[in-house]
């Protein structure tokens, strides 16, 4: 009886899972061959198939991919980080990361309220800009209060699109700024890692300067990724109404974050074999791309346009803000 229930559940989810996976594969192919961010391709391709979200056969699997598969992908991000990598650069990246993330989220909330936008949208965009772009937007959205009218999913898609586009611009412009300010390779890498939104663009920008800058940028960025844990825990605890579900209350700390922390600890202790760690990194990437594709399928372009110009202004302002914070700290510790 239990096996038959699992089989029925699997059969219900399979069409939507296959659709999301197919879009993710297509987005990865286009990204590998044309160089644009894979998340952007996944979103745009997913939105092109938004009519499938209304198909009864696909609806359950698409929702499962945009929620459960998303959390799995975020949890597996822990395989990227070790404590030794973070400690090699000293207190500079830690100061940059903590100040940059916290001040950007606070700035996002305050500015959002001043502009007539919601507090939750300020948290969502502030975390996306402050932490790690699309991955942070997805993780934070999973613990924010749910809205029956689907506004949260629309806002999440907008945040992902916005930070991905801005991150691509920053990848080109920020290395020029770092060099023009006379930063050495180490400081230039720290600046890039502390300000560019997505990991891939951080790596690309860092290694255009030098190997030292690339390594510093990557480690600083991974420290920002680690800030997902305290930020999401704080959101979960401070916004308890966001934990309500149709099946009762979620745990005080989301299980996917506990898995993230466990992986960081195991990886730091050297208990994760290299092939397994590489496999988890790849699985995390695929899961997040599939989740983005599913969110794109669930979002129509007309819904995205309804967010309005104020939301774009907020994202741009947050991007300038975190860059200003990082530059101020780096100049102070010169």
C-alpha atoms as a PDB file:
ATOM      1  CA  UNK A   1       0.000   0.000   0.000  1.00  0.00           C
ATOM      2  CA  UNK A   2       2.813   2.403   0.952  1.00  0.00           C
ATOM      3  CA  UNK A   3       4.749   1.466  -2.179  1.00  0.00           C
ATOM      4  CA  UNK A   4       1.721   2.109  -4.348  1.00  0.00           C
ATOM      5  CA  UNK A   5       1.254   5.539  -2.733  1.00  0.00           C
ATOM      6  CA  UNK A   6       4.881   6.420  -3.448  1.00  0.00           C
ATOM      7  CA  UNK A   7       4.481   5.224  -7.017  1.00  0.00           C
ATOM      8  CA  UNK A   8       1.356   7.353  -7.482  1.00  0.00           C
ATOM      9  CA  UNK A   9       3.185  10.355  -6.028  1.00  0.00           C
ATOM     10  CA  UNK A  10       6.161   9.733  -8.314  1.00  0.00           C
ATOM     11  CA  UNK A  11       3.929   9.408 -11.367  1.00  0.00           C
ATOM     12  CA  UNK A  12       2.124  12.635 -10.444  1.00  0.00           C
ATOM     13  CA  UNK A  13       5.366  14.575 -10.110  1.00  0.00           C
ATOM     14  CA  UNK A  14       7.213  13.117 -13.090  1.00  0.00           C
ATOM     15  CA  UNK A  15       5.757  15.247 -15.948  1.00  0.00           C
ATOM     16  CA  UNK A  16       6.538  18.541 -14.204  1.00  0.00           C
ATOM     17  CA  UNK A  17       9.969  17.310 -13.123  1.00  0.00           C
ATOM     18  CA  UNK A  18      10.799  16.273 -16.677  1.00  0.00           C
ATOM     19  CA  UNK A  19       9.661  19.618 -18.069  1.00  0.00           C
ATOM     20  CA  UNK A  20      11.801  21.536 -15.542  1.00  0.00           C
ATOM     21  CA  UNK A  21      14.800  19.265 -16.165  1.00  0.00           C
ATOM     22  CA  UNK A  22      14.469  19.654 -19.933  1.00  0.00           C
ATOM     23  CA  UNK A  23      14.430  23.446 -19.661  1.00  0.00           C
ATOM     24  CA  UNK A  24      17.455  23.266 -17.331  1.00  0.00           C
ATOM     25  CA  UNK A  25      19.374  21.110 -19.833  1.00  0.00           C
ATOM     26  CA  UNK A  26      18.543  23.498 -22.672  1.00  0.00           C
ATOM     27  CA  UNK A  27      19.605  26.503 -20.567  1.00  0.00           C
ATOM     28  CA  UNK A  28      22.911  24.830 -19.680  1.00  0.00           C
ATOM     29  CA  UNK A  29      23.588  24.046 -23.335  1.00  0.00           C
ATOM     30  CA  UNK A  30      22.934  27.657 -24.365  1.00  0.00           C
ATOM     31  CA  UNK A  31      25.052  28.999 -21.501  1.00  0.00           C
ATOM     32  CA  UNK A  32      27.990  26.726 -22.368  1.00  0.00           C
ATOM     33  CA  UNK A  33      27.874  27.723 -26.030  1.00  0.00           C
ATOM     34  CA  UNK A  34      27.009  31.429 -25.811  1.00  0.00           C
ATOM     35  CA  UNK A  35      28.525  32.507 -22.486  1.00  0.00           C
ATOM     36  CA  UNK A  36      25.492  34.148 -20.857  1.00  0.00           C
ATOM     37  CA  UNK A  37      24.546  33.183 -17.261  1.00  0.00           C
ATOM     38  CA  UNK A  38      22.768  29.830 -17.092  1.00  0.00           C
ATOM     39  CA  UNK A  39      20.252  31.197 -14.567  1.00  0.00           C
ATOM     40  CA  UNK A  40      19.177  33.864 -17.042  1.00  0.00           C
ATOM     41  CA  UNK A  41      18.646  31.307 -19.801  1.00  0.00           C
ATOM     42  CA  UNK A  42      16.709  29.037 -17.420  1.00  0.00           C
ATOM     43  CA  UNK A  43      14.406  31.887 -16.414  1.00  0.00           C
ATOM     44  CA  UNK A  44      13.731  33.085 -19.944  1.00  0.00           C
ATOM     45  CA  UNK A  45      13.186  29.608 -21.350  1.00  0.00           C
ATOM     46  CA  UNK A  46      10.958  28.716 -18.418  1.00  0.00           C
ATOM     47  CA  UNK A  47       8.845  31.819 -18.934  1.00  0.00           C
ATOM     48  CA  UNK A  48       8.450  30.877 -22.603  1.00  0.00           C
ATOM     49  CA  UNK A  49       6.737  27.683 -21.411  1.00  0.00           C
ATOM     50  CA  UNK A  50       4.588  29.380 -18.760  1.00  0.00           C
ATOM     51  CA  UNK A  51       1.440  27.893 -20.311  1.00  0.00           C
ATOM     52  CA  UNK A  52       2.496  24.501 -18.881  1.00  0.00           C
ATOM     53  CA  UNK A  53       1.935  25.788 -15.345  1.00  0.00           C
ATOM     54  CA  UNK A  54      -1.808  25.562 -16.005  1.00  0.00           C
ATOM     55  CA  UNK A  55      -1.618  21.988 -17.265  1.00  0.00           C
ATOM     56  CA  UNK A  56      -2.944  19.600 -14.559  1.00  0.00           C
ATOM     57  CA  UNK A  57      -0.385  16.919 -15.497  1.00  0.00           C
ATOM     58  CA  UNK A  58       2.583  19.269 -14.979  1.00  0.00           C
ATOM     59  CA  UNK A  59       1.435  21.482 -12.113  1.00  0.00           C
ATOM     60  CA  UNK A  60       2.472  19.251  -9.184  1.00  0.00           C
ATOM     61  CA  UNK A  61       5.929  18.442 -10.537  1.00  0.00           C
ATOM     62  CA  UNK A  62       6.699  22.064 -11.379  1.00  0.00           C
ATOM     63  CA  UNK A  63       5.703  23.158  -7.861  1.00  0.00           C
ATOM     64  CA  UNK A  64       7.805  20.338  -6.365  1.00  0.00           C
ATOM     65  CA  UNK A  65      10.833  21.432  -8.392  1.00  0.00           C
ATOM     66  CA  UNK A  66      10.444  25.093  -7.428  1.00  0.00           C
ATOM     67  CA  UNK A  67      10.272  24.238  -3.716  1.00  0.00           C
ATOM     68  CA  UNK A  68      11.734  20.878  -2.653  1.00  0.00           C
ATOM     69  CA  UNK A  69      14.359  20.581  -5.400  1.00  0.00           C
ATOM     70  CA  UNK A  70      15.297  24.204  -4.692  1.00  0.00           C
ATOM     71  CA  UNK A  71      15.979  23.428  -1.024  1.00  0.00           C
ATOM     72  CA  UNK A  72      18.073  20.415  -1.972  1.00  0.00           C
ATOM     73  CA  UNK A  73      20.173  22.618  -4.243  1.00  0.00           C
ATOM     74  CA  UNK A  74      20.716  25.228  -1.527  1.00  0.00           C
ATOM     75  CA  UNK A  75      21.659  22.539   1.020  1.00  0.00           C
ATOM     76  CA  UNK A  76      24.281  21.103  -1.329  1.00  0.00           C
ATOM     77  CA  UNK A  77      25.909  24.540  -1.657  1.00  0.00           C
ATOM     78  CA  UNK A  78      27.606  23.671   1.645  1.00  0.00           C
ATOM     79  CA  UNK A  79      29.943  21.371  -0.263  1.00  0.00           C
ATOM     80  CA  UNK A  80      31.659  24.456  -1.729  1.00  0.00           C
ATOM     81  CA  UNK A  81      32.881  25.895   1.560  1.00  0.00           C
ATOM     82  CA  UNK A  82      35.606  24.990   4.068  1.00  0.00           C
ATOM     83  CA  UNK A  83      36.657  26.900   7.174  1.00  0.00           C
ATOM     84  CA  UNK A  84      40.329  26.845   6.106  1.00  0.00           C
ATOM     85  CA  UNK A  85      39.551  28.716   2.882  1.00  0.00           C
ATOM     86  CA  UNK A  86      37.845  31.472   4.825  1.00  0.00           C
ATOM     87  CA  UNK A  87      40.572  31.805   7.469  1.00  0.00           C
ATOM     88  CA  UNK A  88      43.424  32.162   4.967  1.00  0.00           C
ATOM     89  CA  UNK A  89      42.509  35.784   4.169  1.00  0.00           C
ATOM     90  CA  UNK A  90      42.264  37.014   7.765  1.00  0.00           C
ATOM     91  CA  UNK A  91      39.675  39.413   9.159  1.00  0.00           C
ATOM     92  CA  UNK A  92      39.263  41.538   6.018  1.00  0.00           C
ATOM     93  CA  UNK A  93      36.815  39.328   4.116  1.00  0.00           C
ATOM     94  CA  UNK A  94      34.880  38.609   7.324  1.00  0.00           C
ATOM     95  CA  UNK A  95      34.451  42.317   8.018  1.00  0.00           C
ATOM     96  CA  UNK A  96      33.494  42.978   4.403  1.00  0.00           C
ATOM     97  CA  UNK A  97      31.012  40.137   4.344  1.00  0.00           C
ATOM     98  CA  UNK A  98      29.206  40.736   7.622  1.00  0.00           C
ATOM     99  CA  UNK A  99      28.957  44.507   7.172  1.00  0.00           C
ATOM    100  CA  UNK A 100      28.058  44.275   3.510  1.00  0.00           C
ATOM    101  CA  UNK A 101      25.336  41.665   3.925  1.00  0.00           C
ATOM    102  CA  UNK A 102      23.677  43.094   7.026  1.00  0.00           C
ATOM    103  CA  UNK A 103      23.814  46.738   5.928  1.00  0.00           C
ATOM    104  CA  UNK A 104      22.500  45.876   2.465  1.00  0.00           C
ATOM    105  CA  UNK A 105      19.504  43.971   3.827  1.00  0.00           C
ATOM    106  CA  UNK A 106      18.690  46.791   6.256  1.00  0.00           C
ATOM    107  CA  UNK A 107      19.139  49.353   3.475  1.00  0.00           C
ATOM    108  CA  UNK A 108      16.876  47.305   1.204  1.00  0.00           C
ATOM    109  CA  UNK A 109      14.090  47.117   3.780  1.00  0.00           C
ATOM    110  CA  UNK A 110      14.253  50.813   4.656  1.00  0.00           C
ATOM    111  CA  UNK A 111      14.403  51.974   1.038  1.00  0.00           C
ATOM    112  CA  UNK A 112      11.640  49.569  -0.006  1.00  0.00           C
ATOM    113  CA  UNK A 113       9.308  50.978   2.645  1.00  0.00           C
ATOM    114  CA  UNK A 114      10.207  54.561   1.643  1.00  0.00           C
ATOM    115  CA  UNK A 115       9.356  53.714  -1.964  1.00  0.00           C
ATOM    116  CA  UNK A 116       6.014  52.151  -1.078  1.00  0.00           C
ATOM    117  CA  UNK A 117       7.193  48.570  -1.628  1.00  0.00           C
ATOM    118  CA  UNK A 118       6.734  45.753   0.863  1.00  0.00           C
ATOM    119  CA  UNK A 119       9.106  44.847   3.667  1.00  0.00           C
ATOM    120  CA  UNK A 120       9.412  41.310   2.315  1.00  0.00           C
ATOM    121  CA  UNK A 121      10.471  42.587  -1.104  1.00  0.00           C
ATOM    122  CA  UNK A 122      13.173  44.655   0.575  1.00  0.00           C
ATOM    123  CA  UNK A 123      14.408  41.584   2.460  1.00  0.00           C
ATOM    124  CA  UNK A 124      14.338  39.452  -0.675  1.00  0.00           C
ATOM    125  CA  UNK A 125      16.250  41.894  -2.882  1.00  0.00           C
ATOM    126  CA  UNK A 126      18.620  42.937  -0.095  1.00  0.00           C
ATOM    127  CA  UNK A 127      19.569  39.318   0.544  1.00  0.00           C
ATOM    128  CA  UNK A 128      19.934  38.577  -3.181  1.00  0.00           C
ATOM    129  CA  UNK A 129      22.286  41.539  -3.644  1.00  0.00           C
ATOM    130  CA  UNK A 130      24.079  41.131  -0.323  1.00  0.00           C
ATOM    131  CA  UNK A 131      24.671  37.375  -0.264  1.00  0.00           C
ATOM    132  CA  UNK A 132      24.869  35.410  -3.495  1.00  0.00           C
ATOM    133  CA  UNK A 133      22.418  36.541  -6.119  1.00  0.00           C
ATOM    134  CA  UNK A 134      19.956  34.003  -7.470  1.00  0.00           C
ATOM    135  CA  UNK A 135      20.757  31.290  -4.893  1.00  0.00           C
ATOM    136  CA  UNK A 136      20.118  33.665  -1.997  1.00  0.00           C
ATOM    137  CA  UNK A 137      16.900  34.957  -3.563  1.00  0.00           C
ATOM    138  CA  UNK A 138      15.619  31.399  -3.853  1.00  0.00           C
ATOM    139  CA  UNK A 139      16.678  30.416  -0.320  1.00  0.00           C
ATOM    140  CA  UNK A 140      15.197  33.530   1.310  1.00  0.00           C
ATOM    141  CA  UNK A 141      11.981  33.278  -0.709  1.00  0.00           C
ATOM    142  CA  UNK A 142      11.499  29.742   0.616  1.00  0.00           C
ATOM    143  CA  UNK A 143      11.146  31.026   4.207  1.00  0.00           C
ATOM    144  CA  UNK A 144       9.339  34.320   3.617  1.00  0.00           C
ATOM    145  CA  UNK A 145       5.590  34.478   4.297  1.00  0.00           C
ATOM    146  CA  UNK A 146       3.543  32.863   1.538  1.00  0.00           C
ATOM    147  CA  UNK A 147       1.040  34.907  -0.463  1.00  0.00           C
ATOM    148  CA  UNK A 148      -1.967  33.206  -2.017  1.00  0.00           C
ATOM    149  CA  UNK A 149      -1.959  35.512  -5.037  1.00  0.00           C
ATOM    150  CA  UNK A 150       1.468  34.347  -6.202  1.00  0.00           C
ATOM    151  CA  UNK A 151       3.147  37.714  -5.668  1.00  0.00           C
ATOM    152  CA  UNK A 152       6.088  36.107  -3.885  1.00  0.00           C
ATOM    153  CA  UNK A 153       6.984  33.936  -6.862  1.00  0.00           C
ATOM    154  CA  UNK A 154       6.710  36.925  -9.185  1.00  0.00           C
ATOM    155  CA  UNK A 155       8.959  38.971  -6.893  1.00  0.00           C
ATOM    156  CA  UNK A 156      11.460  36.121  -6.664  1.00  0.00           C
ATOM    157  CA  UNK A 157      11.692  35.834 -10.430  1.00  0.00           C
ATOM    158  CA  UNK A 158      12.154  39.593 -10.714  1.00  0.00           C
ATOM    159  CA  UNK A 159      14.919  39.535  -8.085  1.00  0.00           C
ATOM    160  CA  UNK A 160      16.713  36.690  -9.858  1.00  0.00           C
ATOM    161  CA  UNK A 161      16.484  38.405 -13.238  1.00  0.00           C
ATOM    162  CA  UNK A 162      17.619  41.716 -11.802  1.00  0.00           C
ATOM    163  CA  UNK A 163      20.624  40.472  -9.833  1.00  0.00           C
ATOM    164  CA  UNK A 164      21.728  38.249 -12.709  1.00  0.00           C
ATOM    165  CA  UNK A 165      21.722  41.165 -15.148  1.00  0.00           C
ATOM    166  CA  UNK A 166      23.421  43.527 -12.682  1.00  0.00           C
ATOM    167  CA  UNK A 167      25.996  40.874 -11.789  1.00  0.00           C
ATOM    168  CA  UNK A 168      26.933  40.501 -15.441  1.00  0.00           C
ATOM    169  CA  UNK A 169      27.442  44.281 -15.745  1.00  0.00           C
ATOM    170  CA  UNK A 170      29.477  44.304 -12.512  1.00  0.00           C
ATOM    171  CA  UNK A 171      31.710  41.492 -13.803  1.00  0.00           C
ATOM    172  CA  UNK A 172      32.806  43.837 -16.597  1.00  0.00           C
ATOM    173  CA  UNK A 173      32.897  47.176 -14.753  1.00  0.00           C
ATOM    174  CA  UNK A 174      34.166  46.317 -11.246  1.00  0.00           C
ATOM    175  CA  UNK A 175      37.630  45.000 -12.252  1.00  0.00           C
ATOM    176  CA  UNK A 176      38.204  48.331 -14.022  1.00  0.00           C
ATOM    177  CA  UNK A 177      37.164  50.208 -10.860  1.00  0.00           C
ATOM    178  CA  UNK A 178      39.434  48.080  -8.648  1.00  0.00           C
ATOM    179  CA  UNK A 179      42.459  48.619 -10.867  1.00  0.00           C
ATOM    180  CA  UNK A 180      41.781  52.354 -11.290  1.00  0.00           C
ATOM    181  CA  UNK A 181      41.669  52.761  -7.495  1.00  0.00           C
ATOM    182  CA  UNK A 182      45.139  51.243  -7.228  1.00  0.00           C
ATOM    183  CA  UNK A 183      44.110  48.146  -5.285  1.00  0.00           C
ATOM    184  CA  UNK A 184      46.666  45.359  -5.185  1.00  0.00           C
ATOM    185  CA  UNK A 185      45.557  41.919  -6.370  1.00  0.00           C
ATOM    186  CA  UNK A 186      44.450  40.804  -2.906  1.00  0.00           C
ATOM    187  CA  UNK A 187      42.286  43.879  -2.250  1.00  0.00           C
ATOM    188  CA  UNK A 188      40.920  43.843  -5.773  1.00  0.00           C
ATOM    189  CA  UNK A 189      39.824  40.230  -5.312  1.00  0.00           C
ATOM    190  CA  UNK A 190      38.238  41.003  -1.963  1.00  0.00           C
ATOM    191  CA  UNK A 191      36.334  43.917  -3.503  1.00  0.00           C
ATOM    192  CA  UNK A 192      35.027  41.772  -6.352  1.00  0.00           C
ATOM    193  CA  UNK A 193      34.062  38.914  -4.024  1.00  0.00           C
ATOM    194  CA  UNK A 194      32.277  41.301  -1.659  1.00  0.00           C
ATOM    195  CA  UNK A 195      30.201  43.104  -4.278  1.00  0.00           C
ATOM    196  CA  UNK A 196      29.389  40.983  -7.362  1.00  0.00           C
ATOM    197  CA  UNK A 197      26.185  39.028  -6.875  1.00  0.00           C
ATOM    198  CA  UNK A 198      26.676  35.605  -8.504  1.00  0.00           C
ATOM    199  CA  UNK A 199      29.546  33.162  -7.897  1.00  0.00           C
ATOM    200  CA  UNK A 200      30.283  32.534 -11.585  1.00  0.00           C
ATOM    201  CA  UNK A 201      30.658  36.236 -12.336  1.00  0.00           C
ATOM    202  CA  UNK A 202      32.877  36.714  -9.267  1.00  0.00           C
ATOM    203  CA  UNK A 203      35.235  34.000 -10.494  1.00  0.00           C
ATOM    204  CA  UNK A 204      35.241  35.422 -14.012  1.00  0.00           C
ATOM    205  CA  UNK A 205      35.972  38.960 -12.819  1.00  0.00           C
ATOM    206  CA  UNK A 206      38.661  37.906 -10.330  1.00  0.00           C
ATOM    207  CA  UNK A 207      40.713  35.825 -12.723  1.00  0.00           C
ATOM    208  CA  UNK A 208      40.660  38.566 -15.364  1.00  0.00           C
ATOM    209  CA  UNK A 209      42.971  40.504 -13.006  1.00  0.00           C
ATOM    210  CA  UNK A 210      45.247  37.710 -11.742  1.00  0.00           C
ATOM    211  CA  UNK A 211      45.262  34.292 -10.102  1.00  0.00           C
ATOM    212  CA  UNK A 212      45.719  35.895  -6.661  1.00  0.00           C
ATOM    213  CA  UNK A 213      42.744  38.188  -7.245  1.00  0.00           C
ATOM    214  CA  UNK A 214      40.685  35.260  -8.489  1.00  0.00           C
ATOM    215  CA  UNK A 215      41.399  33.171  -5.395  1.00  0.00           C
ATOM    216  CA  UNK A 216      40.700  36.091  -3.031  1.00  0.00           C
ATOM    217  CA  UNK A 217      37.472  36.909  -4.868  1.00  0.00           C
ATOM    218  CA  UNK A 218      36.279  33.308  -4.761  1.00  0.00           C
ATOM    219  CA  UNK A 219      36.982  32.842  -1.042  1.00  0.00           C
ATOM    220  CA  UNK A 220      35.360  36.166  -0.136  1.00  0.00           C
ATOM    221  CA  UNK A 221      32.329  35.202  -2.207  1.00  0.00           C
ATOM    222  CA  UNK A 222      32.060  31.794  -0.539  1.00  0.00           C
ATOM    223  CA  UNK A 223      32.074  33.548   2.820  1.00  0.00           C
ATOM    224  CA  UNK A 224      29.089  35.562   1.609  1.00  0.00           C
ATOM    225  CA  UNK A 225      27.405  32.304   0.584  1.00  0.00           C
ATOM    226  CA  UNK A 226      27.934  31.028   4.146  1.00  0.00           C
ATOM    227  CA  UNK A 227      25.943  34.052   5.383  1.00  0.00           C
ATOM    228  CA  UNK A 228      22.856  32.323   3.982  1.00  0.00           C
ATOM    229  CA  UNK A 229      22.641  30.311   7.183  1.00  0.00           C
ATOM    230  CA  UNK A 230      22.399  33.086   9.814  1.00  0.00           C
ATOM    231  CA  UNK A 231      20.307  35.301   7.520  1.00  0.00           C
ATOM    232  CA  UNK A 232      17.708  32.649   6.712  1.00  0.00           C
ATOM    233  CA  UNK A 233      17.580  31.510  10.357  1.00  0.00           C
ATOM    234  CA  UNK A 234      17.043  35.123  11.450  1.00  0.00           C
ATOM    235  CA  UNK A 235      14.254  35.598   8.886  1.00  0.00           C
ATOM    236  CA  UNK A 236      12.614  32.363   9.995  1.00  0.00           C
ATOM    237  CA  UNK A 237      12.696  33.347  13.667  1.00  0.00           C
ATOM    238  CA  UNK A 238      11.798  37.017  13.237  1.00  0.00           C
ATOM    239  CA  UNK A 239       8.936  36.346  10.807  1.00  0.00           C
ATOM    240  CA  UNK A 240       7.210  33.384  12.496  1.00  0.00           C
ATOM    241  CA  UNK A 241       4.084  33.770  10.391  1.00  0.00           C
ATOM    242  CA  UNK A 242       6.236  32.821   7.410  1.00  0.00           C
ATOM    243  CA  UNK A 243       6.555  29.294   8.797  1.00  0.00           C
ATOM    244  CA  UNK A 244       2.883  28.457   8.577  1.00  0.00           C
ATOM    245  CA  UNK A 245       2.035  25.751   6.093  1.00  0.00           C
ATOM    246  CA  UNK A 246      -0.920  23.648   5.274  1.00  0.00           C
ATOM    247  CA  UNK A 247       0.570  20.846   7.378  1.00  0.00           C
ATOM    248  CA  UNK A 248       1.302  22.784  10.538  1.00  0.00           C
ATOM    249  CA  UNK A 249       4.473  24.718  11.337  1.00  0.00           C
ATOM    250  CA  UNK A 250       7.866  24.249   9.833  1.00  0.00           C
ATOM    251  CA  UNK A 251      10.816  23.534  12.137  1.00  0.00           C
ATOM    252  CA  UNK A 252      12.316  26.680  13.779  1.00  0.00           C
ATOM    253  CA  UNK A 253      15.416  26.139  11.623  1.00  0.00           C
ATOM    254  CA  UNK A 254      14.735  24.921   8.073  1.00  0.00           C
ATOM    255  CA  UNK A 255      16.082  21.417   7.505  1.00  0.00           C
ATOM    256  CA  UNK A 256      17.859  22.384   4.295  1.00  0.00           C
ATOM    257  CA  UNK A 257      19.932  24.914   6.277  1.00  0.00           C
ATOM    258  CA  UNK A 258      20.883  22.268   8.819  1.00  0.00           C
ATOM    259  CA  UNK A 259      22.046  20.102   5.911  1.00  0.00           C
ATOM    260  CA  UNK A 260      24.010  23.089   4.548  1.00  0.00           C
ATOM    261  CA  UNK A 261      25.801  23.577   7.886  1.00  0.00           C
ATOM    262  CA  UNK A 262      26.489  19.859   8.235  1.00  0.00           C
ATOM    263  CA  UNK A 263      28.099  19.760   4.786  1.00  0.00           C
ATOM    264  CA  UNK A 264      30.276  22.779   5.598  1.00  0.00           C
ATOM    265  CA  UNK A 265      31.459  21.095   8.804  1.00  0.00           C
ATOM    266  CA  UNK A 266      32.136  17.734   7.137  1.00  0.00           C
ATOM    267  CA  UNK A 267      33.899  19.421   4.225  1.00  0.00           C
ATOM    268  CA  UNK A 268      36.021  21.514   6.608  1.00  0.00           C
ATOM    269  CA  UNK A 269      37.071  18.362   8.500  1.00  0.00           C
ATOM    270  CA  UNK A 270      38.085  16.675   5.265  1.00  0.00           C
ATOM    271  CA  UNK A 271      35.465  13.967   5.657  1.00  0.00           C
ATOM    272  CA  UNK A 272      33.931  14.479   2.226  1.00  0.00           C
ATOM    273  CA  UNK A 273      35.900  12.656  -0.507  1.00  0.00           C
ATOM    274  CA  UNK A 274      36.781  14.864  -3.480  1.00  0.00           C
ATOM    275  CA  UNK A 275      34.699  12.894  -6.030  1.00  0.00           C
ATOM    276  CA  UNK A 276      31.658  13.084  -3.731  1.00  0.00           C
ATOM    277  CA  UNK A 277      32.198  16.801  -3.103  1.00  0.00           C
ATOM    278  CA  UNK A 278      32.457  17.480  -6.839  1.00  0.00           C
ATOM    279  CA  UNK A 279      29.312  15.426  -7.403  1.00  0.00           C
ATOM    280  CA  UNK A 280      27.404  17.407  -4.773  1.00  0.00           C
ATOM    281  CA  UNK A 281      28.534  20.704  -6.317  1.00  0.00           C
ATOM    282  CA  UNK A 282      27.280  19.536  -9.711  1.00  0.00           C
ATOM    283  CA  UNK A 283      24.012  18.278  -8.197  1.00  0.00           C
ATOM    284  CA  UNK A 284      23.530  21.624  -6.433  1.00  0.00           C
ATOM    285  CA  UNK A 285      24.039  23.504  -9.691  1.00  0.00           C
ATOM    286  CA  UNK A 286      21.581  21.313 -11.583  1.00  0.00           C
ATOM    287  CA  UNK A 287      18.994  21.497  -8.809  1.00  0.00           C
ATOM    288  CA  UNK A 288      19.144  25.293  -8.668  1.00  0.00           C
ATOM    289  CA  UNK A 289      18.945  25.654 -12.455  1.00  0.00           C
ATOM    290  CA  UNK A 290      15.941  23.298 -12.558  1.00  0.00           C
ATOM    291  CA  UNK A 291      14.290  25.241  -9.719  1.00  0.00           C
ATOM    292  CA  UNK A 292      14.832  28.525 -11.556  1.00  0.00           C
ATOM    293  CA  UNK A 293      13.345  26.965 -14.699  1.00  0.00           C
ATOM    294  CA  UNK A 294      10.298  25.834 -12.706  1.00  0.00           C
ATOM    295  CA  UNK A 295       9.854  29.297 -11.219  1.00  0.00           C
ATOM    296  CA  UNK A 296      10.084  30.751 -14.722  1.00  0.00           C
ATOM    297  CA  UNK A 297       7.384  28.367 -15.930  1.00  0.00           C
ATOM    298  CA  UNK A 298       5.155  29.511 -13.062  1.00  0.00           C
ATOM    299  CA  UNK A 299       5.620  33.197 -13.961  1.00  0.00           C
ATOM    300  CA  UNK A 300       4.101  34.951 -16.965  1.00  0.00           C
ATOM    301  CA  UNK A 301       5.907  37.925 -18.493  1.00  0.00           C
ATOM    302  CA  UNK A 302       2.921  40.197 -17.903  1.00  0.00           C
ATOM    303  CA  UNK A 303       3.069  39.365 -14.180  1.00  0.00           C
ATOM    304  CA  UNK A 304       6.751  40.287 -14.095  1.00  0.00           C
ATOM    305  CA  UNK A 305       6.085  43.628 -15.770  1.00  0.00           C
ATOM    306  CA  UNK A 306       3.567  44.399 -13.027  1.00  0.00           C
ATOM    307  CA  UNK A 307       6.375  44.684 -10.451  1.00  0.00           C
ATOM    308  CA  UNK A 308       7.055  48.185 -11.753  1.00  0.00           C
ATOM    309  CA  UNK A 309      10.079  50.494 -12.164  1.00  0.00           C
ATOM    310  CA  UNK A 310      10.418  51.128  -8.419  1.00  0.00           C
ATOM    311  CA  UNK A 311      11.551  47.553  -7.908  1.00  0.00           C
ATOM    312  CA  UNK A 312      14.299  47.948 -10.506  1.00  0.00           C
ATOM    313  CA  UNK A 313      15.418  51.218  -8.914  1.00  0.00           C
ATOM    314  CA  UNK A 314      15.604  49.416  -5.557  1.00  0.00           C
ATOM    315  CA  UNK A 315      17.834  46.658  -6.967  1.00  0.00           C
ATOM    316  CA  UNK A 316      20.169  49.155  -8.617  1.00  0.00           C
ATOM    317  CA  UNK A 317      20.349  51.246  -5.431  1.00  0.00           C
ATOM    318  CA  UNK A 318      21.187  48.151  -3.350  1.00  0.00           C
ATOM    319  CA  UNK A 319      23.922  47.240  -5.839  1.00  0.00           C
ATOM    320  CA  UNK A 320      25.498  50.690  -5.551  1.00  0.00           C
ATOM    321  CA  UNK A 321      25.104  50.545  -1.775  1.00  0.00           C
ATOM    322  CA  UNK A 322      27.000  47.282  -1.229  1.00  0.00           C
ATOM    323  CA  UNK A 323      29.770  48.517  -3.549  1.00  0.00           C
ATOM    324  CA  UNK A 324      30.037  51.743  -1.538  1.00  0.00           C
ATOM    325  CA  UNK A 325      30.158  49.813   1.757  1.00  0.00           C
ATOM    326  CA  UNK A 326      32.888  47.500   0.450  1.00  0.00           C
ATOM    327  CA  UNK A 327      34.966  50.373  -0.918  1.00  0.00           C
ATOM    328  CA  UNK A 328      34.666  52.287   2.342  1.00  0.00           C
ATOM    329  CA  UNK A 329      35.858  49.319   4.408  1.00  0.00           C
ATOM    330  CA  UNK A 330      38.745  48.512   2.053  1.00  0.00           C
ATOM    331  CA  UNK A 331      39.932  52.134   2.095  1.00  0.00           C
ATOM    332  CA  UNK A 332      39.710  52.226   5.895  1.00  0.00           C
ATOM    333  CA  UNK A 333      41.815  49.104   6.361  1.00  0.00           C
ATOM    334  CA  UNK A 334      44.412  50.287   3.831  1.00  0.00           C
END
